[in-house]
Amino acid sequence: MGSDSFDMSWVSSTESRCFFDYGLSPFLLNSTLPAPDLPTKYHWVTIKGLNEENAYHYRVNSSSNGINNFTTFPLDADNYPFSFAVATDIHWSSSNSISNFGRRYQKAHG
């Protein structure tokens, strides 16, 4: 994301053709990015030509999710400090998952 662009990706539970509607008002999503030709679980959008420091509202219309929003950065975003952290945790679904993971890892990495 920048002062004039927005990137987003998401995964749907089933293969689908998602349209991405967006606009300056949650009541008027007057711009639409078309869906890909083939259904997929993995989706992404890149919107360019946005106005800096504006709140935009969007909806992925292949789902029943509500309307969300994002705000573009100011034009002089380099003068604003920005940081983030990411954390993850591996969750095992069964007692033999560790041994299956070990076998797959060994097979892939010798």
N, C-alpha and C. Protein backbone atom coordinates (compact mmCIF):
# COMPACT_ATOMS: atom_id res chain seq x y z
N MET A 1 0.85 -1.17 0.00
CA MET A 1 0.00 0.00 0.00
C MET A 1 0.89 1.23 0.00
N GLY A 2 0.44 2.24 -0.67
CA GLY A 2 1.17 3.49 -0.74
C GLY A 2 0.22 4.66 -0.69
N SER A 3 0.69 5.81 -1.13
CA SER A 3 -0.17 6.99 -1.12
C SER A 3 -1.19 6.96 -2.25
N ASP A 4 -0.94 6.13 -3.28
CA ASP A 4 -1.89 6.07 -4.40
C ASP A 4 -2.23 4.66 -4.84
N SER A 5 -1.93 3.66 -3.99
CA SER A 5 -2.21 2.27 -4.37
C SER A 5 -2.55 1.42 -3.16
N PHE A 6 -3.14 0.25 -3.44
CA PHE A 6 -3.54 -0.69 -2.40
C PHE A 6 -3.40 -2.09 -2.97
N ASP A 7 -2.78 -3.00 -2.20
CA ASP A 7 -2.64 -4.40 -2.57
C ASP A 7 -3.25 -5.26 -1.48
N MET A 8 -3.95 -6.31 -1.88
CA MET A 8 -4.55 -7.21 -0.90
C MET A 8 -4.63 -8.60 -1.50
N SER A 9 -4.42 -9.62 -0.67
CA SER A 9 -4.61 -11.00 -1.10
C SER A 9 -5.40 -11.73 -0.03
N TRP A 10 -6.11 -12.78 -0.44
CA TRP A 10 -6.89 -13.58 0.49
C TRP A 10 -7.12 -14.95 -0.11
N VAL A 11 -7.50 -15.88 0.76
CA VAL A 11 -7.78 -17.25 0.36
C VAL A 11 -9.23 -17.55 0.71
N SER A 12 -9.97 -18.07 -0.26
CA SER A 12 -11.37 -18.45 -0.01
C SER A 12 -11.44 -19.95 0.27
N SER A 13 -12.48 -20.38 0.96
CA SER A 13 -12.60 -21.79 1.33
C SER A 13 -12.91 -22.68 0.13
N THR A 14 -13.50 -22.12 -0.90
CA THR A 14 -13.78 -22.87 -2.13
C THR A 14 -13.30 -22.06 -3.33
N GLU A 15 -13.13 -22.73 -4.44
CA GLU A 15 -12.75 -22.01 -5.65
C GLU A 15 -13.91 -21.12 -6.08
N SER A 16 -13.60 -19.88 -6.39
CA SER A 16 -14.65 -18.94 -6.78
C SER A 16 -14.05 -17.84 -7.65
N ARG A 17 -14.92 -17.08 -8.26
CA ARG A 17 -14.53 -15.91 -9.04
C ARG A 17 -14.97 -14.69 -8.24
N CYS A 18 -14.03 -14.03 -7.60
CA CYS A 18 -14.33 -12.89 -6.73
C CYS A 18 -14.26 -11.57 -7.49
N PHE A 19 -15.25 -10.74 -7.29
CA PHE A 19 -15.21 -9.36 -7.74
C PHE A 19 -14.86 -8.51 -6.53
N PHE A 20 -14.15 -7.44 -6.72
CA PHE A 20 -13.72 -6.57 -5.63
C PHE A 20 -14.31 -5.19 -5.89
N ASP A 21 -15.29 -4.80 -5.06
CA ASP A 21 -15.96 -3.51 -5.19
C ASP A 21 -15.35 -2.53 -4.20
N TYR A 22 -15.13 -1.28 -4.61
CA TYR A 22 -14.58 -0.29 -3.68
C TYR A 22 -15.05 1.11 -4.05
N GLY A 23 -14.95 2.01 -3.07
CA GLY A 23 -15.34 3.40 -3.28
C GLY A 23 -15.04 4.23 -2.05
N LEU A 24 -15.34 5.52 -2.13
CA LEU A 24 -15.07 6.43 -1.03
C LEU A 24 -16.14 6.39 0.05
N SER A 25 -17.27 5.75 -0.23
CA SER A 25 -18.36 5.66 0.74
C SER A 25 -18.79 4.21 0.87
N PRO A 26 -19.09 3.75 2.09
CA PRO A 26 -19.58 2.38 2.23
C PRO A 26 -20.95 2.18 1.57
N PHE A 27 -21.61 3.28 1.27
CA PHE A 27 -22.93 3.21 0.63
C PHE A 27 -22.85 3.35 -0.88
N LEU A 28 -21.64 3.62 -1.39
CA LEU A 28 -21.47 3.79 -2.83
C LEU A 28 -20.13 3.18 -3.25
N LEU A 29 -20.13 1.86 -3.43
CA LEU A 29 -18.94 1.16 -3.90
C LEU A 29 -19.02 1.16 -5.42
N ASN A 30 -18.58 2.25 -6.02
CA ASN A 30 -18.84 2.49 -7.43
C ASN A 30 -17.71 2.08 -8.37
N SER A 31 -16.70 1.39 -7.87
CA SER A 31 -15.63 0.86 -8.72
C SER A 31 -15.53 -0.64 -8.49
N THR A 32 -15.32 -1.39 -9.55
CA THR A 32 -15.24 -2.85 -9.45
C THR A 32 -14.04 -3.36 -10.22
N LEU A 33 -13.27 -4.24 -9.58
CA LEU A 33 -12.21 -4.95 -10.27
C LEU A 33 -12.78 -6.29 -10.70
N PRO A 34 -12.59 -6.68 -11.94
CA PRO A 34 -13.20 -7.91 -12.44
C PRO A 34 -12.57 -9.16 -11.83
N ALA A 35 -13.33 -10.22 -11.87
CA ALA A 35 -12.87 -11.51 -11.38
C ALA A 35 -11.96 -12.15 -12.43
N PRO A 36 -11.07 -13.05 -11.99
CA PRO A 36 -10.26 -13.77 -12.98
C PRO A 36 -11.15 -14.67 -13.84
N ASP A 37 -10.63 -15.10 -14.96
CA ASP A 37 -11.41 -15.95 -15.87
C ASP A 37 -11.76 -17.30 -15.26
N LEU A 38 -10.85 -17.85 -14.46
CA LEU A 38 -11.07 -19.16 -13.87
C LEU A 38 -11.25 -19.05 -12.36
N PRO A 39 -12.12 -19.86 -11.78
CA PRO A 39 -12.28 -19.86 -10.32
C PRO A 39 -10.98 -20.30 -9.64
N THR A 40 -10.70 -19.73 -8.49
CA THR A 40 -9.51 -20.07 -7.72
C THR A 40 -9.77 -19.84 -6.24
N LYS A 41 -8.95 -20.44 -5.38
CA LYS A 41 -9.02 -20.18 -3.94
C LYS A 41 -8.14 -19.00 -3.55
N TYR A 42 -7.16 -18.68 -4.39
CA TYR A 42 -6.16 -17.66 -4.07
C TYR A 42 -6.46 -16.40 -4.89
N HIS A 43 -6.71 -15.31 -4.20
CA HIS A 43 -7.15 -14.08 -4.86
C HIS A 43 -6.22 -12.92 -4.48
N TRP A 44 -6.10 -11.95 -5.36
CA TRP A 44 -5.33 -10.74 -5.06
C TRP A 44 -5.84 -9.60 -5.92
N VAL A 45 -5.67 -8.41 -5.40
CA VAL A 45 -6.03 -7.21 -6.15
C VAL A 45 -4.93 -6.17 -5.96
N THR A 46 -4.75 -5.36 -6.96
CA THR A 46 -3.90 -4.18 -6.91
C THR A 46 -4.71 -3.03 -7.48
N ILE A 47 -4.91 -2.01 -6.68
CA ILE A 47 -5.65 -0.83 -7.13
C ILE A 47 -4.65 0.32 -7.22
N LYS A 48 -4.61 0.98 -8.35
CA LYS A 48 -3.71 2.13 -8.53
C LYS A 48 -4.53 3.36 -8.85
N GLY A 49 -3.92 4.52 -8.71
CA GLY A 49 -4.59 5.76 -9.04
C GLY A 49 -5.51 6.28 -7.95
N LEU A 50 -5.26 5.86 -6.70
CA LEU A 50 -6.06 6.34 -5.58
C LEU A 50 -5.54 7.69 -5.11
N ASN A 51 -6.34 8.38 -4.33
CA ASN A 51 -5.94 9.67 -3.75
C ASN A 51 -5.25 9.43 -2.41
N GLU A 52 -4.20 10.21 -2.15
CA GLU A 52 -3.46 10.03 -0.90
C GLU A 52 -4.29 10.43 0.31
N GLU A 53 -4.03 9.73 1.41
CA GLU A 53 -4.64 10.02 2.71
C GLU A 53 -6.17 10.04 2.66
N ASN A 54 -6.74 9.07 1.94
CA ASN A 54 -8.19 8.93 1.84
C ASN A 54 -8.61 7.57 2.37
N ALA A 55 -9.77 7.54 3.00
CA ALA A 55 -10.35 6.27 3.43
C ALA A 55 -11.18 5.72 2.28
N TYR A 56 -10.94 4.45 1.95
CA TYR A 56 -11.71 3.75 0.93
C TYR A 56 -12.41 2.58 1.59
N HIS A 57 -13.56 2.24 1.07
CA HIS A 57 -14.35 1.12 1.57
C HIS A 57 -14.40 0.06 0.49
N TYR A 58 -14.42 -1.22 0.91
CA TYR A 58 -14.42 -2.28 -0.09
C TYR A 58 -15.23 -3.49 0.38
N ARG A 59 -15.58 -4.31 -0.59
CA ARG A 59 -16.30 -5.56 -0.32
C ARG A 59 -15.83 -6.58 -1.35
N VAL A 60 -15.56 -7.78 -0.87
CA VAL A 60 -15.30 -8.90 -1.77
C VAL A 60 -16.65 -9.55 -1.97
N ASN A 61 -17.22 -9.45 -3.17
CA ASN A 61 -18.61 -9.84 -3.33
C ASN A 61 -18.85 -11.31 -3.58
N SER A 62 -17.82 -12.15 -3.41
CA SER A 62 -18.07 -13.59 -3.50
C SER A 62 -18.40 -14.15 -2.12
N SER A 63 -18.42 -13.31 -1.12
CA SER A 63 -18.64 -13.78 0.25
C SER A 63 -19.77 -13.00 0.90
N SER A 64 -20.14 -13.45 2.08
CA SER A 64 -21.17 -12.75 2.84
C SER A 64 -20.55 -11.77 3.82
N ASN A 65 -19.24 -11.55 3.71
CA ASN A 65 -18.57 -10.60 4.59
C ASN A 65 -19.08 -9.19 4.35
N GLY A 66 -18.98 -8.38 5.38
CA GLY A 66 -19.44 -7.01 5.28
C GLY A 66 -18.45 -6.13 4.55
N ILE A 67 -18.66 -4.84 4.67
CA ILE A 67 -17.81 -3.86 4.03
C ILE A 67 -16.68 -3.50 4.98
N ASN A 68 -15.46 -3.49 4.47
CA ASN A 68 -14.27 -3.13 5.24
C ASN A 68 -13.68 -1.85 4.68
N ASN A 69 -12.58 -1.37 5.28
CA ASN A 69 -11.98 -0.14 4.77
C ASN A 69 -10.47 -0.14 4.93
N PHE A 70 -9.82 0.75 4.20
CA PHE A 70 -8.39 1.00 4.32
C PHE A 70 -8.17 2.47 4.04
N THR A 71 -7.04 3.00 4.50
CA THR A 71 -6.69 4.40 4.26
C THR A 71 -5.33 4.45 3.58
N THR A 72 -5.23 5.18 2.49
CA THR A 72 -3.95 5.33 1.81
C THR A 72 -3.04 6.24 2.63
N PHE A 73 -1.74 6.07 2.42
CA PHE A 73 -0.76 6.86 3.14
C PHE A 73 -0.74 8.30 2.62
N PRO A 74 -0.24 9.22 3.45
CA PRO A 74 -0.04 10.59 2.95
C PRO A 74 1.06 10.59 1.89
N LEU A 75 1.10 11.63 1.09
CA LEU A 75 2.07 11.72 0.01
C LEU A 75 3.50 11.69 0.54
N ASP A 76 3.74 12.28 1.70
CA ASP A 76 5.08 12.28 2.30
C ASP A 76 5.21 11.18 3.35
N ALA A 77 4.80 9.97 3.03
CA ALA A 77 4.78 8.86 3.99
C ALA A 77 6.16 8.51 4.51
N ASP A 78 7.22 8.88 3.80
CA ASP A 78 8.57 8.59 4.28
C ASP A 78 8.88 9.30 5.59
N ASN A 79 8.14 10.33 5.92
CA ASN A 79 8.38 11.08 7.15
C ASN A 79 7.63 10.51 8.35
N TYR A 80 6.85 9.43 8.14
CA TYR A 80 6.10 8.82 9.22
C TYR A 80 6.74 7.48 9.59
N PRO A 81 7.02 7.26 10.88
CA PRO A 81 7.59 5.97 11.27
C PRO A 81 6.54 4.87 11.12
N PHE A 82 6.99 3.72 10.68
CA PHE A 82 6.09 2.59 10.47
C PHE A 82 6.81 1.31 10.83
N SER A 83 6.18 0.46 11.61
CA SER A 83 6.75 -0.85 11.91
C SER A 83 5.62 -1.82 12.18
N PHE A 84 5.92 -3.10 12.05
CA PHE A 84 4.94 -4.12 12.36
C PHE A 84 5.66 -5.40 12.76
N ALA A 85 4.94 -6.30 13.38
CA ALA A 85 5.49 -7.59 13.78
C ALA A 85 4.56 -8.69 13.32
N VAL A 86 5.13 -9.83 13.02
CA VAL A 86 4.35 -10.98 12.59
C VAL A 86 4.73 -12.15 13.48
N ALA A 87 3.76 -12.89 13.95
CA ALA A 87 4.01 -14.08 14.75
C ALA A 87 3.14 -15.21 14.22
N THR A 88 3.63 -16.41 14.36
CA THR A 88 2.85 -17.57 13.91
C THR A 88 3.10 -18.73 14.85
N ASP A 89 2.26 -19.71 14.77
CA ASP A 89 2.36 -20.89 15.61
C ASP A 89 1.90 -22.08 14.77
N ILE A 90 2.61 -23.19 14.87
CA ILE A 90 2.20 -24.40 14.15
C ILE A 90 1.22 -25.16 15.02
N HIS A 91 0.09 -25.50 14.46
CA HIS A 91 -0.92 -26.29 15.18
C HIS A 91 -1.02 -27.66 14.50
N TRP A 92 -0.91 -28.70 15.29
CA TRP A 92 -0.97 -30.05 14.74
C TRP A 92 -2.39 -30.58 14.88
N SER A 93 -2.86 -31.25 13.84
CA SER A 93 -4.24 -31.72 13.85
C SER A 93 -4.38 -33.14 14.36
N SER A 94 -3.29 -33.89 14.46
CA SER A 94 -3.37 -35.25 14.98
C SER A 94 -2.04 -35.62 15.63
N SER A 95 -2.04 -36.72 16.36
CA SER A 95 -0.83 -37.11 17.09
C SER A 95 0.30 -37.55 16.17
N ASN A 96 -0.02 -37.97 14.94
CA ASN A 96 1.05 -38.41 14.04
C ASN A 96 1.49 -37.30 13.09
N SER A 97 1.02 -36.10 13.27
CA SER A 97 1.40 -35.00 12.38
C SER A 97 2.89 -34.71 12.43
N ILE A 98 3.49 -34.81 13.62
CA ILE A 98 4.91 -34.52 13.75
C ILE A 98 5.73 -35.52 12.95
N SER A 99 5.38 -36.81 13.05
CA SER A 99 6.14 -37.80 12.29
C SER A 99 5.91 -37.64 10.79
N ASN A 100 4.70 -37.29 10.36
CA ASN A 100 4.44 -37.04 8.94
C ASN A 100 5.25 -35.85 8.46
N PHE A 101 5.31 -34.79 9.26
CA PHE A 101 6.09 -33.62 8.90
C PHE A 101 7.57 -33.99 8.78
N GLY A 102 8.06 -34.78 9.73
CA GLY A 102 9.46 -35.20 9.70
C GLY A 102 9.79 -35.99 8.45
N ARG A 103 8.91 -36.91 8.06
CA ARG A 103 9.14 -37.69 6.84
C ARG A 103 9.13 -36.79 5.61
N ARG A 104 8.18 -35.87 5.53
CA ARG A 104 8.11 -34.97 4.37
C ARG A 104 9.34 -34.07 4.32
N TYR A 105 9.78 -33.59 5.47
CA TYR A 105 10.96 -32.72 5.51
C TYR A 105 12.20 -33.48 5.07
N GLN A 106 12.36 -34.71 5.60
CA GLN A 106 13.52 -35.51 5.25
C GLN A 106 13.53 -35.83 3.75
N LYS A 107 12.37 -36.14 3.20
CA LYS A 107 12.26 -36.47 1.78
C LYS A 107 12.63 -35.25 0.92
N ALA A 108 12.21 -34.08 1.34
CA ALA A 108 12.46 -32.86 0.57
C ALA A 108 13.89 -32.37 0.71
N HIS A 109 14.48 -32.59 1.89
CA HIS A 109 15.80 -32.00 2.15
C HIS A 109 16.90 -33.05 2.32
N GLY A 110 16.58 -34.31 2.07
CA GLY A 110 17.59 -35.38 2.12
C GLY A 110 17.98 -35.68 3.50
